[in-house]
């Protein structure tokens, strides 16, 4: 059933009347404004209050543990007297990593080529860590701290341990190469033509079988 023109007109008038009523009727918020506080569901007339202030902290700098250096290019530079502690910590970390690398090199089996390659790479990394630890000891000594007395022997000990492990790896590499060469020779001997095998003696040792007949 299609709507008639009169029904559409009445529906339009109904919606327009709802819109006009909503525009002129006071809202609940407007009704609660300028009334007593106990009658309001929300405080629409707040009293003037003070803005809370944020507490500010002042940064303090003390120069008891600082060293002033007059640099010819950058001017006055301040350094901490305890910078050497950070370098001791770095050298400790480097030493622990170096010990871990040496342990890995010792645990690798030396009867396979790729394990030997990995061991050689780890040996180079261990040597580099020993050099860095040595540089840390030199820098600690330049900072006028006695901690270099402990760091320097540790770097020398790790370098010596890495060298011993490297010689062990090299020895295993040589023995593995010799073993492979012996296997190659054995394989070549098994495939050799027996007619070309050399025999002891001279042709005169078998006069009956010699093609040279003596008269």
Foldseek 3Di string as FASTA:
>chain_A
DDDDPVVVVVVVVVVVVVVVCVVPDDDPVRVQPPDDPVPDPDPPPDDDDDDDDDDDDDDDDDCPQWDWDQDPPPGTDIDGLPPLVVLVVVLVVLLVVLVVLLVVLVPFDLQDDVNLVVSVVSLVVSLVSLVSLCVSLVVSVVSVDPCSVVSNVSSVVSNVSSVVSVVVSVVSVVVNVVVVVVVVVVVVVVPDDPVPDDDDDDLVVCQVPRPDHDD
